[in-house]
Amino acid sequence: MSSAPTNRIALFIDGANLYATAKALGFDIDYKRLLKEFQSCGELFRAFYYTAVIEDQEFSSIRPLLDWLDYNGFTVVTKATKEFVDASGRRKIKGNMDIELAVDAMELAEHINEMVLFSGDGDFRSLVEAVQRRGVRVTVISTIASQPPMIADELRRQADVFTDLVELQSKLGRDPSERSAPRDREARGQMPKFLQEPNGNNPHD
Protein backbone atom coordinates (compact mmCIF):
# COMPACT_ATOMS: atom_id res chain seq x y z
CA MET A 1 0.00 0.00 0.00
CA SER A 2 1.36 3.42 -0.92
CA SER A 3 2.34 5.62 2.00
CA ALA A 4 2.55 8.77 -0.13
CA PRO A 5 1.53 11.83 1.89
CA THR A 6 -2.02 13.00 1.33
CA ASN A 7 -2.38 16.08 -0.81
CA ARG A 8 -4.08 18.59 1.52
CA ILE A 9 -5.87 21.24 -0.52
CA ALA A 10 -7.55 24.50 0.43
CA LEU A 11 -9.74 26.46 -1.98
CA PHE A 12 -9.87 30.25 -1.84
CA ILE A 13 -12.69 31.62 -4.00
CA ASP A 14 -12.84 35.35 -4.72
CA GLY A 15 -16.61 35.23 -5.27
CA ALA A 16 -17.10 38.40 -7.31
CA ASN A 17 -14.05 37.65 -9.45
CA LEU A 18 -15.08 34.05 -10.17
CA TYR A 19 -18.64 35.14 -10.98
CA ALA A 20 -17.35 37.77 -13.44
CA THR A 21 -14.94 35.27 -15.01
CA ALA A 22 -17.59 32.57 -15.52
CA LYS A 23 -20.00 35.20 -16.86
CA ALA A 24 -17.37 36.40 -19.35
CA LEU A 25 -17.06 32.79 -20.53
CA GLY A 26 -20.84 32.38 -20.71
CA PHE A 27 -21.58 29.74 -18.07
CA ASP A 28 -22.66 29.38 -14.43
CA ILE A 29 -20.56 27.66 -11.78
CA ASP A 30 -22.11 24.59 -10.16
CA TYR A 31 -20.59 24.74 -6.66
CA LYS A 32 -21.64 21.19 -5.78
CA ARG A 33 -19.64 19.89 -8.75
CA LEU A 34 -16.75 22.22 -7.91
CA LEU A 35 -16.49 20.78 -4.40
CA LYS A 36 -16.67 17.18 -5.72
CA GLU A 37 -13.97 17.88 -8.31
CA PHE A 38 -11.45 19.05 -5.72
CA GLN A 39 -12.43 16.41 -3.15
CA SER A 40 -11.31 13.87 -5.75
CA CYS A 41 -7.84 15.50 -5.95
CA GLY A 42 -6.86 14.83 -2.33
CA GLU A 43 -8.00 15.82 1.14
CA LEU A 44 -10.02 19.01 0.84
CA PHE A 45 -9.01 20.75 4.04
CA ARG A 46 -11.12 23.89 3.60
CA ALA A 47 -13.12 25.67 0.87
CA PHE A 48 -13.47 29.40 1.46
CA TYR A 49 -15.87 31.65 -0.46
CA TYR A 50 -15.37 35.41 -0.06
CA THR A 51 -17.84 38.08 -1.05
CA ALA A 52 -19.02 41.50 0.02
CA VAL A 53 -22.75 41.96 0.60
CA ILE A 54 -24.70 45.20 0.38
CA GLU A 55 -25.81 46.26 3.83
CA ASP A 56 -29.39 47.39 4.53
CA GLN A 57 -30.74 45.36 1.63
CA GLU A 58 -33.67 43.33 2.85
CA PHE A 59 -33.00 40.62 0.28
CA SER A 60 -29.74 40.26 -1.58
CA SER A 61 -29.84 38.16 -4.76
CA ILE A 62 -26.67 36.42 -3.57
CA ARG A 63 -28.14 35.41 -0.19
CA PRO A 64 -29.64 32.04 -1.31
CA LEU A 65 -26.27 31.07 -2.81
CA LEU A 66 -24.41 32.04 0.37
CA ASP A 67 -26.86 30.06 2.50
CA TRP A 68 -26.49 27.02 0.25
CA LEU A 69 -22.67 27.23 0.32
CA ASP A 70 -22.73 27.59 4.10
CA TYR A 71 -24.80 24.40 4.49
CA ASN A 72 -22.82 22.41 1.94
CA GLY A 73 -19.20 22.40 3.01
CA PHE A 74 -17.99 25.91 2.21
CA THR A 75 -16.69 28.45 4.72
CA VAL A 76 -18.44 31.65 3.67
CA VAL A 77 -16.67 34.88 4.56
CA THR A 78 -18.64 38.07 4.00
CA LYS A 79 -18.42 41.68 4.98
CA ALA A 80 -20.71 44.63 4.38
CA THR A 81 -19.88 46.87 1.45
CA LYS A 82 -19.09 50.50 2.14
CA GLU A 83 -20.76 53.18 0.08
CA PHE A 84 -18.82 56.37 -0.54
CA VAL A 85 -18.71 59.37 -2.86
CA ASP A 86 -15.57 59.71 -4.96
CA ALA A 87 -13.70 62.92 -5.83
CA SER A 88 -15.97 63.60 -8.80
CA GLY A 89 -19.14 63.19 -6.74
CA ARG A 90 -20.08 59.72 -8.01
CA ARG A 91 -21.48 57.16 -5.57
CA LYS A 92 -19.25 54.12 -5.41
CA ILE A 93 -19.47 50.84 -3.55
CA LYS A 94 -16.34 49.37 -1.99
CA GLY A 95 -16.29 45.72 -1.03
CA ASN A 96 -12.80 44.31 -1.29
CA MET A 97 -12.14 40.96 0.40
CA ASP A 98 -8.40 40.73 -0.41
CA ILE A 99 -7.20 41.20 3.18
CA GLU A 100 -9.58 38.58 4.60
CA LEU A 101 -8.50 36.06 1.97
CA ALA A 102 -4.80 36.81 2.48
CA VAL A 103 -4.99 36.45 6.28
CA ASP A 104 -6.79 33.09 6.02
CA ALA A 105 -4.31 31.82 3.40
CA MET A 106 -1.29 32.73 5.53
CA GLU A 107 -2.83 31.10 8.62
CA LEU A 108 -3.61 27.91 6.72
CA ALA A 109 -0.32 27.65 4.82
CA GLU A 110 1.34 25.36 7.38
CA HIS A 111 -1.58 22.89 7.25
CA ILE A 112 -1.82 22.40 3.47
CA ASN A 113 0.31 21.33 0.49
CA GLU A 114 -1.74 23.03 -2.19
CA MET A 115 -3.66 26.28 -2.42
CA VAL A 116 -6.17 26.76 -5.21
CA LEU A 117 -6.98 30.42 -5.79
CA PHE A 118 -10.02 31.30 -7.88
CA SER A 119 -9.14 34.87 -8.86
CA GLY A 120 -7.32 36.84 -11.50
CA ASP A 121 -6.63 39.82 -9.25
CA GLY A 122 -2.99 40.91 -9.56
CA ASP A 123 -3.05 42.14 -5.95
CA PHE A 124 -2.75 38.50 -4.90
CA ARG A 125 0.70 38.07 -6.48
CA SER A 126 2.59 38.88 -3.26
CA LEU A 127 0.31 36.56 -1.27
CA VAL A 128 0.98 33.70 -3.69
CA GLU A 129 4.72 34.32 -3.38
CA ALA A 130 4.53 34.35 0.45
CA VAL A 131 2.52 31.10 0.55
CA GLN A 132 4.97 29.47 -1.89
CA ARG A 133 7.87 30.40 0.43
CA ARG A 134 6.13 28.25 3.05
CA GLY A 135 6.34 25.26 0.73
CA VAL A 136 2.78 25.38 -0.61
CA ARG A 137 2.08 24.76 -4.29
CA VAL A 138 -0.30 27.36 -5.72
CA THR A 139 -2.76 26.82 -8.55
CA VAL A 140 -4.51 29.91 -9.87
CA ILE A 141 -7.79 29.50 -11.78
CA SER A 142 -8.98 32.34 -14.00
CA THR A 143 -9.05 32.90 -17.77
CA ILE A 144 -7.11 34.35 -20.66
CA ALA A 145 -9.91 33.34 -23.04
CA SER A 146 -11.93 36.51 -22.38
CA GLN A 147 -11.26 39.91 -23.94
CA PRO A 148 -9.48 41.40 -22.09
CA PRO A 149 -8.09 38.44 -20.08
CA MET A 150 -9.50 38.22 -16.54
CA ILE A 151 -6.12 37.34 -15.02
CA ALA A 152 -3.31 39.78 -14.33
CA ASP A 153 -0.10 38.71 -16.06
CA GLU A 154 2.01 39.00 -12.87
CA LEU A 155 -0.34 36.66 -10.97
CA ARG A 156 -0.30 34.12 -13.77
CA ARG A 157 3.52 34.15 -13.86
CA GLN A 158 3.80 33.78 -10.05
CA ALA A 159 1.49 30.74 -9.81
CA ASP A 160 3.00 27.24 -9.89
CA VAL A 161 0.10 26.19 -12.10
CA PHE A 162 -2.33 28.35 -14.06
CA THR A 163 -5.57 26.63 -15.08
CA ASP A 164 -7.92 28.36 -17.47
CA LEU A 165 -11.51 28.22 -16.22
CA VAL A 166 -12.61 27.49 -19.79
CA GLU A 167 -10.86 24.08 -19.52
CA LEU A 168 -12.92 23.29 -16.41
CA GLN A 169 -16.29 24.28 -17.88
CA SER A 170 -17.35 20.66 -18.50
CA LYS A 171 -16.46 19.75 -14.88
CA LEU A 172 -17.65 22.84 -13.01
CA GLY A 173 -20.33 24.35 -15.23
CA ARG A 174 -24.00 24.12 -14.37
CA ASP A 175 -25.91 22.07 -16.90
CA PRO A 176 -28.05 24.56 -18.89
CA SER A 177 -31.00 22.12 -18.76
CA GLU A 178 -31.00 22.51 -14.97
CA ARG A 179 -32.30 26.03 -15.40
CA SER A 180 -35.73 24.61 -16.13
CA ALA A 181 -37.96 22.43 -13.92
CA PRO A 182 -35.33 20.10 -12.42
CA ARG A 183 -33.57 23.15 -10.98
CA ASP A 184 -36.59 23.84 -8.74
CA ARG A 185 -36.56 20.31 -7.44
CA GLU A 186 -32.80 20.48 -6.91
CA ALA A 187 -33.07 23.87 -5.22
CA ARG A 188 -35.65 22.55 -2.77
CA GLY A 189 -33.36 19.67 -1.92
CA GLN A 190 -30.47 22.03 -1.24
CA MET A 191 -32.45 24.74 0.46
CA PRO A 192 -31.46 25.50 4.04
CA LYS A 193 -33.92 24.09 6.59
CA PHE A 194 -35.24 27.44 7.74
CA LEU A 195 -36.24 28.36 4.19
CA GLN A 196 -38.23 25.19 3.61
CA GLU A 197 -41.92 24.96 4.25
CA PRO A 198 -42.46 23.85 7.86
CA ASN A 199 -44.07 20.52 6.97
CA GLY A 200 -42.59 20.05 3.51
CA ASN A 201 -41.08 16.62 3.03
CA ASN A 202 -37.52 17.02 1.81
CA PRO A 203 -36.33 13.90 -0.07
CA HIS A 204 -32.71 14.80 0.76
CA ASP A 205 -33.20 14.74 4.54
Foldseek 3Di string as FASTA:
>chain_A
DDPPDWAEEEEEEAAVQLQVQCVLVPFDFDVVLVVVVVVVVTPHPAYEYEDEDAPPDPDDPCVQVQQLCVVPGHHYDYYYWDWDADPVRDIDIDGDCVVVSLVVLVVCLLVGQEYEYEAQDPVCLVSLVVSVVSNHAYEYEGAPPGVNGRHDPSNCVSHPHYDYVVVCCVRTGDDPVCVPDVVVLVSQLSGPPVVHDPPDDRPND
